Amino acid sequence: MLPPAGVTIRSGRADESAALAALIPGAGHEPYVSLPRLTACQAEGLLWTAVDGVDRPVGFLAATIADDALHIVALAVARAHQRRGVGRALLERAIDHGRWAFFPAVTLTADAGAPFGVPFYRRLGFVALRPEGLRPDLAAFLRVARDAGGSEAERVAMAKVL
């Protein structure tokens, strides 16, 4: 899927991590994603930024390698740009990268109750995983997400086999 008109997806740059981190609270996503984490994802070459016509960030996807899979650390889109296909385009860019790099799967943790959470990822082919069967890195990401978000029922681990 192509991004919506007027939006371009490109590799994230080291000088924009702070601007991307500022998108997180406004978008209501991943309060546990830190500036150092975004910087590390960028250094790994696993940060993609959606920008408007004047190269201003309107969304991003940060990933890392966990349990030999491409793990989505955060996906955030500025509120004014939500529900226009920006998040989907970012996720599809990451999935394409995962295929290109021969990862066996893409993993993530998602909010079970939010419309941008589990239902969104299911539409893109992700399936929920049982917590007791998770590999160590993904289990750790799920613990961190649950600790940051409160109730254990609010976050689930998901995967898409590539």
N, C-alpha and C. Protein backbone atom coordinates (compact mmCIF):
# COMPACT_ATOMS: atom_id res chain seq x y z
N MET A 1 0.84 -1.18 0.00
CA MET A 1 0.00 0.00 0.00
C MET A 1 0.88 1.24 0.00
N LEU A 2 0.51 2.18 -0.80
CA LEU A 2 1.22 3.45 -0.84
C LEU A 2 0.71 4.35 0.28
N PRO A 3 1.57 5.23 0.78
CA PRO A 3 1.08 6.18 1.79
C PRO A 3 0.07 7.13 1.14
N PRO A 4 -0.73 7.81 1.96
CA PRO A 4 -1.69 8.75 1.39
C PRO A 4 -0.99 9.89 0.66
N ALA A 5 -1.72 10.55 -0.22
CA ALA A 5 -1.17 11.66 -0.98
C ALA A 5 -0.57 12.70 -0.05
N GLY A 6 0.60 13.19 -0.42
CA GLY A 6 1.26 14.22 0.38
C GLY A 6 2.13 13.68 1.49
N VAL A 7 2.16 12.35 1.67
CA VAL A 7 2.97 11.73 2.72
C VAL A 7 3.99 10.81 2.06
N THR A 8 5.22 10.89 2.54
CA THR A 8 6.31 10.04 2.06
C THR A 8 6.85 9.26 3.24
N ILE A 9 7.23 8.01 3.00
CA ILE A 9 7.87 7.22 4.05
C ILE A 9 9.34 7.07 3.66
N ARG A 10 10.20 7.38 4.60
CA ARG A 10 11.64 7.30 4.38
C ARG A 10 12.30 6.73 5.62
N SER A 11 13.58 6.43 5.51
CA SER A 11 14.34 5.98 6.68
C SER A 11 14.41 7.09 7.71
N GLY A 12 14.31 6.71 8.97
CA GLY A 12 14.42 7.69 10.04
C GLY A 12 15.84 8.22 10.15
N ARG A 13 15.97 9.45 10.58
CA ARG A 13 17.29 10.08 10.72
C ARG A 13 17.61 10.27 12.20
N ALA A 14 18.90 10.26 12.49
CA ALA A 14 19.37 10.39 13.87
C ALA A 14 18.93 11.71 14.49
N ASP A 15 18.83 12.76 13.70
CA ASP A 15 18.51 14.08 14.25
C ASP A 15 17.02 14.30 14.52
N GLU A 16 16.18 13.31 14.24
CA GLU A 16 14.75 13.53 14.43
C GLU A 16 14.12 12.67 15.53
N SER A 17 14.93 11.94 16.28
CA SER A 17 14.37 11.07 17.32
C SER A 17 13.51 11.84 18.32
N ALA A 18 13.94 13.02 18.72
CA ALA A 18 13.17 13.81 19.68
C ALA A 18 11.82 14.22 19.09
N ALA A 19 11.80 14.60 17.82
CA ALA A 19 10.54 14.97 17.17
C ALA A 19 9.61 13.77 17.08
N LEU A 20 10.17 12.60 16.84
CA LEU A 20 9.35 11.39 16.77
C LEU A 20 8.81 11.03 18.14
N ALA A 21 9.65 11.11 19.16
CA ALA A 21 9.20 10.81 20.53
C ALA A 21 8.04 11.72 20.91
N ALA A 22 8.03 12.95 20.42
CA ALA A 22 6.96 13.88 20.73
C ALA A 22 5.63 13.44 20.13
N LEU A 23 5.66 12.61 19.10
CA LEU A 23 4.43 12.12 18.49
C LEU A 23 3.73 11.09 19.38
N ILE A 24 4.47 10.43 20.24
CA ILE A 24 3.91 9.30 20.99
C ILE A 24 2.78 9.73 21.93
N PRO A 25 2.97 10.69 22.84
CA PRO A 25 1.86 11.03 23.73
C PRO A 25 0.64 11.56 22.97
N GLY A 26 0.85 12.35 21.94
CA GLY A 26 -0.27 12.89 21.17
C GLY A 26 -1.03 11.82 20.43
N ALA A 27 -0.36 10.75 20.05
CA ALA A 27 -1.01 9.69 19.31
C ALA A 27 -1.63 8.66 20.24
N GLY A 28 -1.27 8.71 21.53
CA GLY A 28 -1.84 7.77 22.48
C GLY A 28 -1.23 6.39 22.45
N HIS A 29 -0.01 6.26 21.93
CA HIS A 29 0.63 4.96 21.80
C HIS A 29 1.83 4.83 22.72
N GLU A 30 2.18 3.63 23.02
CA GLU A 30 3.43 3.20 23.61
C GLU A 30 4.13 4.20 24.53
N PRO A 31 3.61 4.42 25.72
CA PRO A 31 4.24 5.39 26.62
C PRO A 31 5.60 4.94 27.13
N TYR A 32 5.98 3.69 26.89
CA TYR A 32 7.25 3.15 27.39
C TYR A 32 8.38 3.26 26.37
N VAL A 33 8.15 3.87 25.23
CA VAL A 33 9.20 4.00 24.22
C VAL A 33 10.01 5.25 24.54
N SER A 34 11.29 5.04 24.79
CA SER A 34 12.16 6.14 25.19
C SER A 34 12.94 6.70 24.01
N LEU A 35 13.47 7.89 24.21
CA LEU A 35 14.33 8.51 23.19
C LEU A 35 15.55 7.62 22.89
N PRO A 36 16.22 7.06 23.92
CA PRO A 36 17.34 6.16 23.60
C PRO A 36 16.90 4.93 22.79
N ARG A 37 15.71 4.42 23.03
CA ARG A 37 15.21 3.27 22.26
C ARG A 37 15.03 3.67 20.80
N LEU A 38 14.44 4.83 20.55
CA LEU A 38 14.26 5.29 19.17
C LEU A 38 15.61 5.48 18.48
N THR A 39 16.56 6.05 19.21
CA THR A 39 17.90 6.26 18.66
C THR A 39 18.55 4.92 18.31
N ALA A 40 18.37 3.92 19.17
CA ALA A 40 18.92 2.58 18.91
C ALA A 40 18.27 1.96 17.68
N CYS A 41 16.97 2.10 17.53
CA CYS A 41 16.28 1.57 16.34
C CYS A 41 16.80 2.23 15.08
N GLN A 42 17.03 3.54 15.14
CA GLN A 42 17.55 4.26 13.99
C GLN A 42 18.96 3.76 13.65
N ALA A 43 19.78 3.54 14.67
CA ALA A 43 21.15 3.06 14.45
C ALA A 43 21.15 1.67 13.82
N GLU A 44 20.12 0.87 14.11
CA GLU A 44 20.00 -0.47 13.51
C GLU A 44 19.46 -0.41 12.08
N GLY A 45 19.05 0.78 11.65
CA GLY A 45 18.43 0.91 10.33
C GLY A 45 17.00 0.44 10.32
N LEU A 46 16.36 0.45 11.49
CA LEU A 46 15.00 -0.08 11.63
C LEU A 46 14.04 0.99 12.15
N LEU A 47 14.17 2.19 11.62
CA LEU A 47 13.28 3.30 11.95
C LEU A 47 12.81 3.91 10.64
N TRP A 48 11.50 3.98 10.46
CA TRP A 48 10.93 4.59 9.27
C TRP A 48 10.05 5.75 9.70
N THR A 49 10.13 6.84 8.95
CA THR A 49 9.40 8.05 9.28
C THR A 49 8.46 8.41 8.14
N ALA A 50 7.22 8.72 8.47
CA ALA A 50 6.27 9.27 7.51
C ALA A 50 6.34 10.78 7.65
N VAL A 51 6.55 11.46 6.53
CA VAL A 51 6.69 12.92 6.56
C VAL A 51 5.70 13.56 5.60
N ASP A 52 5.35 14.80 5.91
CA ASP A 52 4.46 15.55 5.02
C ASP A 52 5.27 16.21 3.91
N GLY A 53 4.64 17.07 3.14
CA GLY A 53 5.28 17.69 1.99
C GLY A 53 6.46 18.58 2.30
N VAL A 54 6.61 19.02 3.54
CA VAL A 54 7.76 19.84 3.93
C VAL A 54 8.72 19.07 4.84
N ASP A 55 8.66 17.73 4.75
CA ASP A 55 9.55 16.83 5.49
C ASP A 55 9.37 16.91 7.01
N ARG A 56 8.16 17.24 7.45
CA ARG A 56 7.84 17.27 8.88
C ARG A 56 7.28 15.90 9.26
N PRO A 57 7.82 15.24 10.30
CA PRO A 57 7.32 13.92 10.70
C PRO A 57 5.85 13.95 11.13
N VAL A 58 5.08 12.99 10.57
CA VAL A 58 3.68 12.84 10.95
C VAL A 58 3.42 11.44 11.51
N GLY A 59 4.44 10.59 11.48
CA GLY A 59 4.32 9.24 12.02
C GLY A 59 5.65 8.52 11.91
N PHE A 60 5.74 7.40 12.62
CA PHE A 60 6.96 6.60 12.53
C PHE A 60 6.68 5.18 12.96
N LEU A 61 7.58 4.30 12.56
CA LEU A 61 7.60 2.92 13.03
C LEU A 61 9.03 2.63 13.42
N ALA A 62 9.21 2.17 14.65
CA ALA A 62 10.53 1.80 15.17
C ALA A 62 10.53 0.30 15.42
N ALA A 63 11.62 -0.36 15.02
CA ALA A 63 11.72 -1.81 15.17
C ALA A 63 13.11 -2.19 15.67
N THR A 64 13.22 -3.44 16.07
CA THR A 64 14.49 -4.01 16.48
C THR A 64 14.46 -5.50 16.14
N ILE A 65 15.52 -6.19 16.44
CA ILE A 65 15.56 -7.64 16.23
C ILE A 65 15.39 -8.30 17.59
N ALA A 66 14.42 -9.19 17.68
CA ALA A 66 14.14 -9.90 18.93
C ALA A 66 13.79 -11.35 18.59
N ASP A 67 14.46 -12.28 19.22
CA ASP A 67 14.20 -13.71 18.98
C ASP A 67 14.29 -14.04 17.50
N ASP A 68 15.24 -13.46 16.79
CA ASP A 68 15.45 -13.69 15.36
C ASP A 68 14.30 -13.22 14.48
N ALA A 69 13.42 -12.39 15.01
CA ALA A 69 12.31 -11.82 14.24
C ALA A 69 12.46 -10.31 14.22
N LEU A 70 11.78 -9.67 13.29
CA LEU A 70 11.70 -8.22 13.28
C LEU A 70 10.61 -7.84 14.27
N HIS A 71 10.96 -7.10 15.31
CA HIS A 71 9.99 -6.75 16.35
C HIS A 71 9.65 -5.27 16.26
N ILE A 72 8.36 -4.97 16.13
CA ILE A 72 7.89 -3.59 16.09
C ILE A 72 7.85 -3.07 17.51
N VAL A 73 8.69 -2.09 17.79
CA VAL A 73 8.76 -1.48 19.12
C VAL A 73 7.65 -0.46 19.28
N ALA A 74 7.44 0.36 18.26
CA ALA A 74 6.40 1.40 18.34
C ALA A 74 5.95 1.78 16.94
N LEU A 75 4.67 2.08 16.85
CA LEU A 75 4.06 2.63 15.65
C LEU A 75 3.20 3.78 16.14
N ALA A 76 3.49 4.98 15.69
CA ALA A 76 2.73 6.15 16.13
C ALA A 76 2.46 7.06 14.94
N VAL A 77 1.27 7.62 14.93
CA VAL A 77 0.87 8.56 13.89
C VAL A 77 0.23 9.76 14.58
N ALA A 78 0.63 10.96 14.18
CA ALA A 78 0.04 12.18 14.75
C ALA A 78 -1.47 12.14 14.58
N ARG A 79 -2.17 12.58 15.58
CA ARG A 79 -3.64 12.51 15.59
C ARG A 79 -4.25 13.08 14.30
N ALA A 80 -3.75 14.18 13.81
CA ALA A 80 -4.31 14.81 12.60
C ALA A 80 -4.14 13.96 11.36
N HIS A 81 -3.27 12.96 11.40
CA HIS A 81 -3.00 12.11 10.24
C HIS A 81 -3.50 10.68 10.42
N GLN A 82 -4.18 10.41 11.53
CA GLN A 82 -4.67 9.05 11.77
C GLN A 82 -5.87 8.76 10.87
N ARG A 83 -6.08 7.46 10.65
CA ARG A 83 -7.21 6.94 9.87
C ARG A 83 -7.15 7.36 8.41
N ARG A 84 -5.91 7.56 7.93
CA ARG A 84 -5.71 7.92 6.52
C ARG A 84 -4.79 6.94 5.81
N GLY A 85 -4.33 5.90 6.51
CA GLY A 85 -3.47 4.90 5.90
C GLY A 85 -1.99 5.08 6.19
N VAL A 86 -1.64 6.07 7.00
CA VAL A 86 -0.23 6.30 7.31
C VAL A 86 0.33 5.13 8.13
N GLY A 87 -0.37 4.73 9.18
CA GLY A 87 0.09 3.61 10.02
C GLY A 87 0.20 2.32 9.23
N ARG A 88 -0.78 2.05 8.42
CA ARG A 88 -0.76 0.83 7.59
C ARG A 88 0.43 0.87 6.64
N ALA A 89 0.67 2.01 6.00
CA ALA A 89 1.80 2.12 5.06
C ALA A 89 3.13 1.92 5.78
N LEU A 90 3.27 2.48 6.98
CA LEU A 90 4.49 2.28 7.77
C LEU A 90 4.67 0.80 8.11
N LEU A 91 3.60 0.16 8.55
CA LEU A 91 3.69 -1.25 8.92
C LEU A 91 4.02 -2.11 7.69
N GLU A 92 3.42 -1.81 6.56
CA GLU A 92 3.72 -2.57 5.36
C GLU A 92 5.17 -2.37 4.92
N ARG A 93 5.72 -1.17 5.14
CA ARG A 93 7.13 -0.93 4.82
C ARG A 93 8.01 -1.83 5.69
N ALA A 94 7.68 -1.93 7.00
CA ALA A 94 8.46 -2.78 7.89
C ALA A 94 8.33 -4.25 7.51
N ILE A 95 7.13 -4.69 7.16
CA ILE A 95 6.91 -6.07 6.74
C ILE A 95 7.72 -6.37 5.48
N ASP A 96 7.70 -5.46 4.54
CA ASP A 96 8.50 -5.64 3.32
C ASP A 96 9.98 -5.76 3.66
N HIS A 97 10.45 -4.93 4.59
CA HIS A 97 11.85 -5.02 5.01
C HIS A 97 12.12 -6.38 5.64
N GLY A 98 11.20 -6.84 6.47
CA GLY A 98 11.36 -8.15 7.10
C GLY A 98 11.49 -9.27 6.08
N ARG A 99 10.68 -9.20 5.03
CA ARG A 99 10.78 -10.21 3.96
C ARG A 99 12.12 -10.10 3.25
N TRP A 100 12.51 -8.86 2.91
CA TRP A 100 13.77 -8.63 2.21
C TRP A 100 14.96 -9.13 3.02
N ALA A 101 14.91 -8.95 4.35
CA ALA A 101 16.01 -9.36 5.22
C ALA A 101 15.89 -10.82 5.68
N PHE A 102 14.90 -11.54 5.15
CA PHE A 102 14.69 -12.96 5.44
C PHE A 102 14.39 -13.25 6.92
N PHE A 103 13.68 -12.34 7.58
CA PHE A 103 13.20 -12.65 8.92
C PHE A 103 12.05 -13.64 8.79
N PRO A 104 11.93 -14.59 9.71
CA PRO A 104 10.84 -15.55 9.62
C PRO A 104 9.48 -14.96 10.00
N ALA A 105 9.51 -13.86 10.80
CA ALA A 105 8.26 -13.28 11.28
C ALA A 105 8.47 -11.83 11.70
N VAL A 106 7.35 -11.13 11.83
CA VAL A 106 7.32 -9.81 12.44
C VAL A 106 6.49 -9.96 13.70
N THR A 107 6.99 -9.44 14.82
CA THR A 107 6.27 -9.53 16.09
C THR A 107 6.02 -8.12 16.63
N LEU A 108 5.09 -8.05 17.57
CA LEU A 108 4.77 -6.78 18.23
C LEU A 108 3.91 -7.07 19.45
N THR A 109 3.71 -6.05 20.26
CA THR A 109 2.70 -6.12 21.31
C THR A 109 1.65 -5.08 20.98
N ALA A 110 0.41 -5.38 21.32
CA ALA A 110 -0.69 -4.50 20.94
C ALA A 110 -1.68 -4.35 22.08
N ASP A 111 -2.39 -3.26 22.05
CA ASP A 111 -3.45 -2.96 23.01
C ASP A 111 -4.69 -3.74 22.58
N ALA A 112 -5.16 -4.62 23.44
CA ALA A 112 -6.28 -5.48 23.10
C ALA A 112 -7.59 -4.72 22.93
N GLY A 113 -7.72 -3.57 23.58
CA GLY A 113 -9.00 -2.88 23.55
C GLY A 113 -9.09 -1.68 22.64
N ALA A 114 -7.99 -1.27 22.06
CA ALA A 114 -8.00 -0.05 21.24
C ALA A 114 -8.25 -0.38 19.77
N PRO A 115 -8.96 0.49 19.06
CA PRO A 115 -9.22 0.23 17.65
C PRO A 115 -7.94 0.18 16.81
N PHE A 116 -6.89 0.88 17.27
CA PHE A 116 -5.61 0.85 16.55
C PHE A 116 -4.76 -0.31 17.04
N GLY A 117 -5.29 -1.15 17.91
CA GLY A 117 -4.54 -2.26 18.48
C GLY A 117 -4.81 -3.56 17.75
N VAL A 118 -5.22 -4.56 18.50
CA VAL A 118 -5.39 -5.91 17.98
C VAL A 118 -6.23 -5.96 16.69
N PRO A 119 -7.40 -5.31 16.62
CA PRO A 119 -8.18 -5.40 15.38
C PRO A 119 -7.42 -4.89 14.16
N PHE A 120 -6.68 -3.82 14.31
CA PHE A 120 -5.87 -3.26 13.22
C PHE A 120 -4.84 -4.28 12.73
N TYR A 121 -4.11 -4.86 13.66
CA TYR A 121 -3.05 -5.81 13.29
C TYR A 121 -3.63 -7.11 12.73
N ARG A 122 -4.77 -7.55 13.22
CA ARG A 122 -5.40 -8.75 12.67
C ARG A 122 -5.75 -8.56 11.20
N ARG A 123 -6.24 -7.38 10.86
CA ARG A 123 -6.58 -7.11 9.46
C ARG A 123 -5.35 -7.21 8.55
N LEU A 124 -4.17 -7.07 9.12
CA LEU A 124 -2.93 -7.15 8.34
C LEU A 124 -2.25 -8.51 8.46
N GLY A 125 -2.96 -9.50 9.03
CA GLY A 125 -2.44 -10.86 9.06
C GLY A 125 -1.71 -11.27 10.32
N PHE A 126 -1.72 -10.44 11.35
CA PHE A 126 -1.08 -10.82 12.62
C PHE A 126 -2.04 -11.68 13.43
N VAL A 127 -1.49 -12.60 14.20
CA VAL A 127 -2.28 -13.43 15.10
C VAL A 127 -1.78 -13.26 16.53
N ALA A 128 -2.70 -13.36 17.47
CA ALA A 128 -2.33 -13.27 18.89
C ALA A 128 -1.62 -14.55 19.32
N LEU A 129 -0.64 -14.39 20.18
CA LEU A 129 0.14 -15.52 20.68
C LEU A 129 -0.18 -15.76 22.15
N ARG A 130 -0.08 -17.01 22.56
CA ARG A 130 -0.29 -17.33 23.99
C ARG A 130 0.92 -16.88 24.79
N PRO A 131 0.71 -16.21 25.90
CA PRO A 131 1.84 -15.71 26.71
C PRO A 131 2.78 -16.80 27.18
N GLU A 132 2.26 -17.98 27.48
CA GLU A 132 3.12 -19.04 28.01
C GLU A 132 4.05 -19.64 26.95
N GLY A 133 3.80 -19.39 25.68
CA GLY A 133 4.64 -19.96 24.64
C GLY A 133 5.60 -18.98 23.99
N LEU A 134 5.73 -17.79 24.55
CA LEU A 134 6.56 -16.76 23.92
C LEU A 134 8.04 -17.04 24.11
N ARG A 135 8.82 -16.69 23.11
CA ARG A 135 10.27 -16.75 23.23
C ARG A 135 10.72 -15.62 24.15
N PRO A 136 11.93 -15.69 24.69
CA PRO A 136 12.37 -14.78 25.76
C PRO A 136 12.29 -13.28 25.45
N ASP A 137 12.77 -12.87 24.29
CA ASP A 137 12.76 -11.44 23.98
C ASP A 137 11.34 -10.90 23.88
N LEU A 138 10.48 -11.61 23.17
CA LEU A 138 9.10 -11.16 23.02
C LEU A 138 8.38 -11.16 24.36
N ALA A 139 8.65 -12.16 25.19
CA ALA A 139 8.06 -12.19 26.54
C ALA A 139 8.50 -10.97 27.34
N ALA A 140 9.75 -10.58 27.20
CA ALA A 140 10.25 -9.40 27.92
C ALA A 140 9.58 -8.13 27.40
N PHE A 141 9.42 -7.99 26.09
CA PHE A 141 8.73 -6.81 25.54
C PHE A 141 7.29 -6.76 26.05
N LEU A 142 6.63 -7.91 26.12
CA LEU A 142 5.25 -7.94 26.61
C LEU A 142 5.18 -7.53 28.08
N ARG A 143 6.13 -8.01 28.89
CA ARG A 143 6.17 -7.62 30.31
C ARG A 143 6.33 -6.11 30.45
N VAL A 144 7.25 -5.54 29.70
CA VAL A 144 7.49 -4.09 29.77
C VAL A 144 6.23 -3.33 29.35
N ALA A 145 5.59 -3.78 28.28
CA ALA A 145 4.37 -3.12 27.80
C ALA A 145 3.26 -3.21 28.83
N ARG A 146 3.11 -4.37 29.44
CA ARG A 146 2.07 -4.53 30.46
C ARG A 146 2.36 -3.70 31.70
N ASP A 147 3.63 -3.65 32.10
CA ASP A 147 4.00 -2.84 33.26
C ASP A 147 3.72 -1.37 33.02
N ALA A 148 3.96 -0.92 31.79
CA ALA A 148 3.74 0.49 31.46
C ALA A 148 2.26 0.81 31.31
N GLY A 149 1.48 -0.20 30.89
CA GLY A 149 0.09 0.07 30.58
C GLY A 149 -0.91 -0.35 31.63
N GLY A 150 -0.49 -1.05 32.66
CA GLY A 150 -1.43 -1.45 33.69
C GLY A 150 -1.80 -2.91 33.63
N SER A 151 -3.06 -3.21 33.47
CA SER A 151 -3.62 -4.55 33.51
C SER A 151 -2.99 -5.50 32.50
N GLU A 152 -2.78 -6.74 32.92
CA GLU A 152 -2.21 -7.76 32.03
C GLU A 152 -3.09 -8.02 30.81
N ALA A 153 -4.40 -7.86 30.95
CA ALA A 153 -5.31 -8.15 29.85
C ALA A 153 -5.26 -7.08 28.76
N GLU A 154 -4.61 -5.97 29.01
CA GLU A 154 -4.62 -4.87 28.05
C GLU A 154 -3.64 -5.05 26.90
N ARG A 155 -2.60 -5.84 27.05
CA ARG A 155 -1.59 -6.00 26.00
C ARG A 155 -1.47 -7.47 25.60
N VAL A 156 -1.28 -7.71 24.32
CA VAL A 156 -1.06 -9.06 23.82
C VAL A 156 0.13 -9.05 22.86
N ALA A 157 0.81 -10.17 22.77
CA ALA A 157 1.87 -10.36 21.79
C ALA A 157 1.25 -10.91 20.53
N MET A 158 1.74 -10.43 19.39
CA MET A 158 1.20 -10.87 18.11
C MET A 158 2.36 -11.14 17.15
N ALA A 159 2.10 -11.96 16.13
CA ALA A 159 3.12 -12.25 15.13
C ALA A 159 2.49 -12.44 13.77
N LYS A 160 3.27 -12.14 12.76
CA LYS A 160 2.91 -12.40 11.37
C LYS A 160 4.06 -13.19 10.77
N VAL A 161 3.78 -14.38 10.31
CA VAL A 161 4.80 -15.21 9.67
C VAL A 161 5.02 -14.66 8.26
N LEU A 162 6.30 -14.54 7.90
CA LEU A 162 6.63 -13.99 6.58
C LEU A 162 6.95 -15.08 5.57
